[in-house]
Amino acid sequence: MQGEVSRYICLPGQATAYYIGYTKILEARQRAMDELGEQFDLKEFHNVLLGNGALPLDILDQVITGYIQSEVEGG
């Protein structure tokens, strides 16, 4: 707990940046679930999400859009 407090004191924007990334990933997951329905595969979503390494959030959105389109077109 002390380490987290120290980090937030020294880097106050870190928690906000972390939370923005967290919510963007949740939004991308929900969008994939909504658009793919029964075709949605959590393991495959995670493979796409993590397989590209660290990406800017706007690029991540493009990657997820491509994944959704690929799955809709037949995987």
PDB file of N, CA and C in Angstrom:
ATOM      1  N   MET A   1       0.820  -1.187   0.000  1.00  0.00           N
ATOM      2  CA  MET A   1       0.000   0.000   0.000  1.00  0.00           C
ATOM      3  C   MET A   1       0.869   1.258   0.000  1.00  0.00           C
ATOM      4  N   GLN A   2       1.936   1.254   0.788  1.00  0.00           N
ATOM      5  CA  GLN A   2       2.814   2.425   0.862  1.00  0.00           C
ATOM      6  C   GLN A   2       3.443   2.712  -0.494  1.00  0.00           C
ATOM      7  N   GLY A   3       3.789   1.662  -1.240  1.00  0.00           N
ATOM      8  CA  GLY A   3       4.363   1.846  -2.569  1.00  0.00           C
ATOM      9  C   GLY A   3       3.401   2.529  -3.518  1.00  0.00           C
ATOM     10  N   GLU A   4       2.131   2.154  -3.442  1.00  0.00           N
ATOM     11  CA  GLU A   4       1.120   2.784  -4.297  1.00  0.00           C
ATOM     12  C   GLU A   4       0.944   4.251  -3.937  1.00  0.00           C
ATOM     13  N   VAL A   5       0.892   4.544  -2.655  1.00  0.00           N
ATOM     14  CA  VAL A   5       0.735   5.932  -2.212  1.00  0.00           C
ATOM     15  C   VAL A   5       1.918   6.762  -2.694  1.00  0.00           C
ATOM     16  N   SER A   6       3.118   6.242  -2.533  1.00  0.00           N
ATOM     17  CA  SER A   6       4.310   6.967  -2.983  1.00  0.00           C
ATOM     18  C   SER A   6       4.275   7.199  -4.487  1.00  0.00           C
ATOM     19  N   ARG A   7       3.878   6.188  -5.235  1.00  0.00           N
ATOM     20  CA  ARG A   7       3.817   6.318  -6.695  1.00  0.00           C
ATOM     21  C   ARG A   7       2.814   7.402  -7.084  1.00  0.00           C
ATOM     22  N   TYR A   8       1.649   7.408  -6.463  1.00  0.00           N
ATOM     23  CA  TYR A   8       0.627   8.397  -6.811  1.00  0.00           C
ATOM     24  C   TYR A   8       1.027   9.811  -6.387  1.00  0.00           C
ATOM     25  N   ILE A   9       1.806   9.924  -5.324  1.00  0.00           N
ATOM     26  CA  ILE A   9       2.301  11.236  -4.908  1.00  0.00           C
ATOM     27  C   ILE A   9       3.344  11.735  -5.906  1.00  0.00           C
ATOM     28  N   CYS A  10       4.252  10.852  -6.311  1.00  0.00           N
ATOM     29  CA  CYS A  10       5.325  11.241  -7.235  1.00  0.00           C
ATOM     30  C   CYS A  10       4.841  11.370  -8.673  1.00  0.00           C
ATOM     31  N   LEU A  11       3.889  10.551  -9.063  1.00  0.00           N
ATOM     32  CA  LEU A  11       3.380  10.524 -10.439  1.00  0.00           C
ATOM     33  C   LEU A  11       1.857  10.612 -10.425  1.00  0.00           C
ATOM     34  N   PRO A  12       1.295  11.769 -10.126  1.00  0.00           N
ATOM     35  CA  PRO A  12      -0.159  11.866  -9.956  1.00  0.00           C
ATOM     36  C   PRO A  12      -0.964  11.518 -11.204  1.00  0.00           C
ATOM     37  N   GLY A  13      -0.401  11.656 -12.378  1.00  0.00           N
ATOM     38  CA  GLY A  13      -1.134  11.326 -13.604  1.00  0.00           C
ATOM     39  C   GLY A  13      -1.131   9.846 -13.930  1.00  0.00           C
ATOM     40  N   GLN A  14      -0.305   9.064 -13.248  1.00  0.00           N
ATOM     41  CA  GLN A  14      -0.178   7.643 -13.561  1.00  0.00           C
ATOM     42  C   GLN A  14      -1.483   6.896 -13.348  1.00  0.00           C
ATOM     43  N   ALA A  15      -2.164   7.159 -12.266  1.00  0.00           N
ATOM     44  CA  ALA A  15      -3.415   6.452 -11.982  1.00  0.00           C
ATOM     45  C   ALA A  15      -4.477   6.796 -13.018  1.00  0.00           C
ATOM     46  N   THR A  16      -4.519   8.042 -13.430  1.00  0.00           N
ATOM     47  CA  THR A  16      -5.485   8.457 -14.447  1.00  0.00           C
ATOM     48  C   THR A  16      -5.191   7.783 -15.774  1.00  0.00           C
ATOM     49  N   ALA A  17      -3.924   7.764 -16.170  1.00  0.00           N
ATOM     50  CA  ALA A  17      -3.536   7.116 -17.427  1.00  0.00           C
ATOM     51  C   ALA A  17      -3.861   5.622 -17.380  1.00  0.00           C
ATOM     52  N   TYR A  18      -3.570   4.980 -16.269  1.00  0.00           N
ATOM     53  CA  TYR A  18      -3.875   3.566 -16.103  1.00  0.00           C
ATOM     54  C   TYR A  18      -5.373   3.331 -16.259  1.00  0.00           C
ATOM     55  N   TYR A  19      -6.174   4.166 -15.607  1.00  0.00           N
ATOM     56  CA  TYR A  19      -7.627   3.982 -15.640  1.00  0.00           C
ATOM     57  C   TYR A  19      -8.194   4.225 -17.033  1.00  0.00           C
ATOM     58  N   ILE A  20      -7.664   5.188 -17.753  1.00  0.00           N
ATOM     59  CA  ILE A  20      -8.122   5.431 -19.122  1.00  0.00           C
ATOM     60  C   ILE A  20      -7.853   4.207 -19.986  1.00  0.00           C
ATOM     61  N   GLY A  21      -6.663   3.632 -19.884  1.00  0.00           N
ATOM     62  CA  GLY A  21      -6.351   2.417 -20.632  1.00  0.00           C
ATOM     63  C   GLY A  21      -7.261   1.267 -20.250  1.00  0.00           C
ATOM     64  N   TYR A  22      -7.495   1.125 -18.974  1.00  0.00           N
ATOM     65  CA  TYR A  22      -8.379   0.076 -18.464  1.00  0.00           C
ATOM     66  C   TYR A  22      -9.783   0.201 -19.055  1.00  0.00           C
ATOM     67  N   THR A  23     -10.327   1.415 -19.033  1.00  0.00           N
ATOM     68  CA  THR A  23     -11.686   1.597 -19.552  1.00  0.00           C
ATOM     69  C   THR A  23     -11.734   1.415 -21.065  1.00  0.00           C
ATOM     70  N   LYS A  24     -10.694   1.824 -21.784  1.00  0.00           N
ATOM     71  CA  LYS A  24     -10.662   1.632 -23.238  1.00  0.00           C
ATOM     72  C   LYS A  24     -10.648   0.146 -23.588  1.00  0.00           C
ATOM     73  N   ILE A  25      -9.908  -0.643 -22.841  1.00  0.00           N
ATOM     74  CA  ILE A  25      -9.873  -2.086 -23.087  1.00  0.00           C
ATOM     75  C   ILE A  25     -11.236  -2.698 -22.789  1.00  0.00           C
ATOM     76  N   LEU A  26     -11.869  -2.285 -21.699  1.00  0.00           N
ATOM     77  CA  LEU A  26     -13.211  -2.798 -21.394  1.00  0.00           C
ATOM     78  C   LEU A  26     -14.216  -2.410 -22.472  1.00  0.00           C
ATOM     79  N   GLU A  27     -14.116  -1.179 -22.975  1.00  0.00           N
ATOM     80  CA  GLU A  27     -15.011  -0.737 -24.048  1.00  0.00           C
ATOM     81  C   GLU A  27     -14.781  -1.553 -25.321  1.00  0.00           C
ATOM     82  N   ALA A  28     -13.521  -1.813 -25.650  1.00  0.00           N
ATOM     83  CA  ALA A  28     -13.204  -2.606 -26.842  1.00  0.00           C
ATOM     84  C   ALA A  28     -13.747  -4.022 -26.697  1.00  0.00           C
ATOM     85  N   ARG A  29     -13.599  -4.579 -25.518  1.00  0.00           N
ATOM     86  CA  ARG A  29     -14.118  -5.930 -25.270  1.00  0.00           C
ATOM     87  C   ARG A  29     -15.637  -5.963 -25.411  1.00  0.00           C
ATOM     88  N   GLN A  30     -16.309  -4.979 -24.837  1.00  0.00           N
ATOM     89  CA  GLN A  30     -17.769  -4.938 -24.923  1.00  0.00           C
ATOM     90  C   GLN A  30     -18.219  -4.761 -26.364  1.00  0.00           C
ATOM     91  N   ARG A  31     -17.520  -3.919 -27.117  1.00  0.00           N
ATOM     92  CA  ARG A  31     -17.862  -3.712 -28.527  1.00  0.00           C
ATOM     93  C   ARG A  31     -17.698  -5.013 -29.307  1.00  0.00           C
ATOM     94  N   ALA A  32     -16.604  -5.725 -29.057  1.00  0.00           N
ATOM     95  CA  ALA A  32     -16.391  -7.009 -29.730  1.00  0.00           C
ATOM     96  C   ALA A  32     -17.483  -8.004 -29.343  1.00  0.00           C
ATOM     97  N   MET A  33     -17.844  -8.045 -28.077  1.00  0.00           N
ATOM     98  CA  MET A  33     -18.901  -8.950 -27.629  1.00  0.00           C
ATOM     99  C   MET A  33     -20.234  -8.602 -28.282  1.00  0.00           C
ATOM    100  N   ASP A  34     -20.543  -7.311 -28.348  1.00  0.00           N
ATOM    101  CA  ASP A  34     -21.809  -6.871 -28.940  1.00  0.00           C
ATOM    102  C   ASP A  34     -21.865  -7.181 -30.429  1.00  0.00           C
ATOM    103  N   GLU A  35     -20.778  -6.905 -31.142  1.00  0.00           N
ATOM    104  CA  GLU A  35     -20.780  -7.072 -32.592  1.00  0.00           C
ATOM    105  C   GLU A  35     -20.618  -8.526 -33.023  1.00  0.00           C
ATOM    106  N   LEU A  36     -19.922  -9.320 -32.228  1.00  0.00           N
ATOM    107  CA  LEU A  36     -19.681 -10.708 -32.614  1.00  0.00           C
ATOM    108  C   LEU A  36     -20.692 -11.683 -32.022  1.00  0.00           C
ATOM    109  N   GLY A  37     -21.336 -11.298 -30.957  1.00  0.00           N
ATOM    110  CA  GLY A  37     -22.326 -12.177 -30.339  1.00  0.00           C
ATOM    111  C   GLY A  37     -21.727 -13.528 -29.982  1.00  0.00           C
ATOM    112  N   GLU A  38     -22.337 -14.591 -30.487  1.00  0.00           N
ATOM    113  CA  GLU A  38     -21.890 -15.956 -30.184  1.00  0.00           C
ATOM    114  C   GLU A  38     -20.500 -16.261 -30.743  1.00  0.00           C
ATOM    115  N   GLN A  39     -20.061 -15.492 -31.727  1.00  0.00           N
ATOM    116  CA  GLN A  39     -18.734 -15.698 -32.311  1.00  0.00           C
ATOM    117  C   GLN A  39     -17.617 -15.183 -31.409  1.00  0.00           C
ATOM    118  N   PHE A  40     -17.964 -14.373 -30.417  1.00  0.00           N
ATOM    119  CA  PHE A  40     -16.941 -13.784 -29.557  1.00  0.00           C
ATOM    120  C   PHE A  40     -16.226 -14.874 -28.781  1.00  0.00           C
ATOM    121  N   ASP A  41     -14.897 -14.809 -28.807  1.00  0.00           N
ATOM    122  CA  ASP A  41     -14.046 -15.758 -28.091  1.00  0.00           C
ATOM    123  C   ASP A  41     -13.081 -14.937 -27.231  1.00  0.00           C
ATOM    124  N   LEU A  42     -13.232 -15.024 -25.925  1.00  0.00           N
ATOM    125  CA  LEU A  42     -12.428 -14.212 -25.017  1.00  0.00           C
ATOM    126  C   LEU A  42     -10.938 -14.494 -25.186  1.00  0.00           C
ATOM    127  N   LYS A  43     -10.583 -15.753 -25.348  1.00  0.00           N
ATOM    128  CA  LYS A  43      -9.170 -16.103 -25.525  1.00  0.00           C
ATOM    129  C   LYS A  43      -8.612 -15.457 -26.791  1.00  0.00           C
ATOM    130  N   GLU A  44      -9.347 -15.512 -27.877  1.00  0.00           N
ATOM    131  CA  GLU A  44      -8.895 -14.898 -29.128  1.00  0.00           C
ATOM    132  C   GLU A  44      -8.809 -13.380 -28.980  1.00  0.00           C
ATOM    133  N   PHE A  45      -9.773 -12.786 -28.298  1.00  0.00           N
ATOM    134  CA  PHE A  45      -9.727 -11.345 -28.045  1.00  0.00           C
ATOM    135  C   PHE A  45      -8.453 -10.987 -27.295  1.00  0.00           C
ATOM    136  N   HIS A  46      -8.127 -11.752 -26.268  1.00  0.00           N
ATOM    137  CA  HIS A  46      -6.907 -11.492 -25.500  1.00  0.00           C
ATOM    138  C   HIS A  46      -5.663 -11.687 -26.357  1.00  0.00           C
ATOM    139  N   ASN A  47      -5.673 -12.698 -27.224  1.00  0.00           N
ATOM    140  CA  ASN A  47      -4.534 -12.908 -28.124  1.00  0.00           C
ATOM    141  C   ASN A  47      -4.320 -11.695 -29.026  1.00  0.00           C
ATOM    142  N   VAL A  48      -5.404 -11.161 -29.561  1.00  0.00           N
ATOM    143  CA  VAL A  48      -5.311  -9.970 -30.414  1.00  0.00           C
ATOM    144  C   VAL A  48      -4.849  -8.773 -29.591  1.00  0.00           C
ATOM    145  N   LEU A  49      -5.423  -8.608 -28.426  1.00  0.00           N
ATOM    146  CA  LEU A  49      -5.102  -7.479 -27.558  1.00  0.00           C
ATOM    147  C   LEU A  49      -3.629  -7.484 -27.154  1.00  0.00           C
ATOM    148  N   LEU A  50      -3.128  -8.628 -26.745  1.00  0.00           N
ATOM    149  CA  LEU A  50      -1.766  -8.715 -26.221  1.00  0.00           C
ATOM    150  C   LEU A  50      -0.729  -9.025 -27.291  1.00  0.00           C
ATOM    151  N   GLY A  51      -1.163  -9.626 -28.388  1.00  0.00           N
ATOM    152  CA  GLY A  51      -0.235 -10.066 -29.427  1.00  0.00           C
ATOM    153  C   GLY A  51       0.436  -8.943 -30.183  1.00  0.00           C
ATOM    154  N   ASN A  52      -0.089  -7.755 -30.077  1.00  0.00           N
ATOM    155  CA  ASN A  52       0.482  -6.610 -30.780  1.00  0.00           C
ATOM    156  C   ASN A  52       1.387  -5.762 -29.896  1.00  0.00           C
ATOM    157  N   GLY A  53       1.587  -6.170 -28.672  1.00  0.00           N
ATOM    158  CA  GLY A  53       2.426  -5.403 -27.764  1.00  0.00           C
ATOM    159  C   GLY A  53       1.735  -4.136 -27.295  1.00  0.00           C
ATOM    160  N   ALA A  54       2.518  -3.253 -26.719  1.00  0.00           N
ATOM    161  CA  ALA A  54       1.984  -1.987 -26.212  1.00  0.00           C
ATOM    162  C   ALA A  54       1.693  -1.067 -27.394  1.00  0.00           C
ATOM    163  N   LEU A  55       0.454  -0.632 -27.493  1.00  0.00           N
ATOM    164  CA  LEU A  55       0.030   0.234 -28.592  1.00  0.00           C
ATOM    165  C   LEU A  55      -0.645   1.483 -28.046  1.00  0.00           C
ATOM    166  N   PRO A  56      -0.547   2.596 -28.782  1.00  0.00           N
ATOM    167  CA  PRO A  56      -1.380   3.744 -28.426  1.00  0.00           C
ATOM    168  C   PRO A  56      -2.850   3.339 -28.510  1.00  0.00           C
ATOM    169  N   LEU A  57      -3.686   3.941 -27.693  1.00  0.00           N
ATOM    170  CA  LEU A  57      -5.078   3.511 -27.606  1.00  0.00           C
ATOM    171  C   LEU A  57      -5.843   3.672 -28.911  1.00  0.00           C
ATOM    172  N   ASP A  58      -5.526   4.690 -29.711  1.00  0.00           N
ATOM    173  CA  ASP A  58      -6.228   4.833 -30.986  1.00  0.00           C
ATOM    174  C   ASP A  58      -5.834   3.730 -31.962  1.00  0.00           C
ATOM    175  N   ILE A  59      -4.588   3.283 -31.908  1.00  0.00           N
ATOM    176  CA  ILE A  59      -4.150   2.170 -32.757  1.00  0.00           C
ATOM    177  C   ILE A  59      -4.773   0.871 -32.251  1.00  0.00           C
ATOM    178  N   LEU A  60      -4.847   0.703 -30.949  1.00  0.00           N
ATOM    179  CA  LEU A  60      -5.495  -0.479 -30.385  1.00  0.00           C
ATOM    180  C   LEU A  60      -6.934  -0.574 -30.867  1.00  0.00           C
ATOM    181  N   ASP A  61      -7.626   0.544 -30.917  1.00  0.00           N
ATOM    182  CA  ASP A  61      -9.000   0.562 -31.409  1.00  0.00           C
ATOM    183  C   ASP A  61      -9.058   0.083 -32.857  1.00  0.00           C
ATOM    184  N   GLN A  62      -8.099   0.498 -33.673  1.00  0.00           N
ATOM    185  CA  GLN A  62      -8.049   0.053 -35.067  1.00  0.00           C
ATOM    186  C   GLN A  62      -7.785  -1.449 -35.157  1.00  0.00           C
ATOM    187  N   VAL A  63      -6.912  -1.954 -34.303  1.00  0.00           N
ATOM    188  CA  VAL A  63      -6.607  -3.389 -34.286  1.00  0.00           C
ATOM    189  C   VAL A  63      -7.855  -4.186 -33.910  1.00  0.00           C
ATOM    190  N   ILE A  64      -8.581  -3.735 -32.911  1.00  0.00           N
ATOM    191  CA  ILE A  64      -9.795  -4.431 -32.486  1.00  0.00           C
ATOM    192  C   ILE A  64     -10.859  -4.358 -33.570  1.00  0.00           C
ATOM    193  N   THR A  65     -10.965  -3.222 -34.245  1.00  0.00           N
ATOM    194  CA  THR A  65     -11.909  -3.102 -35.360  1.00  0.00           C
ATOM    195  C   THR A  65     -11.559  -4.107 -36.451  1.00  0.00           C
ATOM    196  N   GLY A  66     -10.285  -4.235 -36.767  1.00  0.00           N
ATOM    197  CA  GLY A  66      -9.846  -5.219 -37.757  1.00  0.00           C
ATOM    198  C   GLY A  66     -10.156  -6.640 -37.328  1.00  0.00           C
ATOM    199  N   TYR A  67      -9.952  -6.938 -36.058  1.00  0.00           N
ATOM    200  CA  TYR A  67     -10.271  -8.260 -35.518  1.00  0.00           C
ATOM    201  C   TYR A  67     -11.759  -8.554 -35.667  1.00  0.00           C
ATOM    202  N   ILE A  68     -12.595  -7.592 -35.323  1.00  0.00           N
ATOM    203  CA  ILE A  68     -14.046  -7.778 -35.424  1.00  0.00           C
ATOM    204  C   ILE A  68     -14.439  -8.015 -36.874  1.00  0.00           C
ATOM    205  N   GLN A  69     -13.929  -7.198 -37.782  1.00  0.00           N
ATOM    206  CA  GLN A  69     -14.255  -7.360 -39.200  1.00  0.00           C
ATOM    207  C   GLN A  69     -13.811  -8.719 -39.718  1.00  0.00           C
ATOM    208  N   SER A  70     -12.632  -9.144 -39.307  1.00  0.00           N
ATOM    209  CA  SER A  70     -12.116 -10.445 -39.730  1.00  0.00           C
ATOM    210  C   SER A  70     -13.010 -11.578 -39.242  1.00  0.00           C
ATOM    211  N   GLU A  71     -13.449 -11.496 -38.010  1.00  0.00           N
ATOM    212  CA  GLU A  71     -14.316 -12.539 -37.459  1.00  0.00           C
ATOM    213  C   GLU A  71     -15.687 -12.542 -38.129  1.00  0.00           C
ATOM    214  N   VAL A  72     -16.217 -11.361 -38.420  1.00  0.00           N
ATOM    215  CA  VAL A  72     -17.522 -11.264 -39.083  1.00  0.00           C
ATOM    216  C   VAL A  72     -17.446 -11.864 -40.484  1.00  0.00           C
ATOM    217  N   GLU A  73     -16.303 -11.650 -41.151  1.00  0.00           N
ATOM    218  CA  GLU A  73     -16.129 -12.145 -42.514  1.00  0.00           C
ATOM    219  C   GLU A  73     -15.785 -13.630 -42.568  1.00  0.00           C
ATOM    220  N   GLY A  74     -15.660 -14.259 -41.431  1.00  0.00           N
ATOM    221  CA  GLY A  74     -15.461 -15.699 -41.440  1.00  0.00           C
ATOM    222  C   GLY A  74     -14.253 -16.208 -40.701  1.00  0.00           C
ATOM    223  N   GLY A  75     -13.603 -15.353 -39.964  1.00  0.00           N
ATOM    224  CA  GLY A  75     -12.502 -15.798 -39.130  1.00  0.00           C
ATOM    225  C   GLY A  75     -11.274 -16.037 -39.882  1.00  0.00           C
TER     226      GLY A  75
END
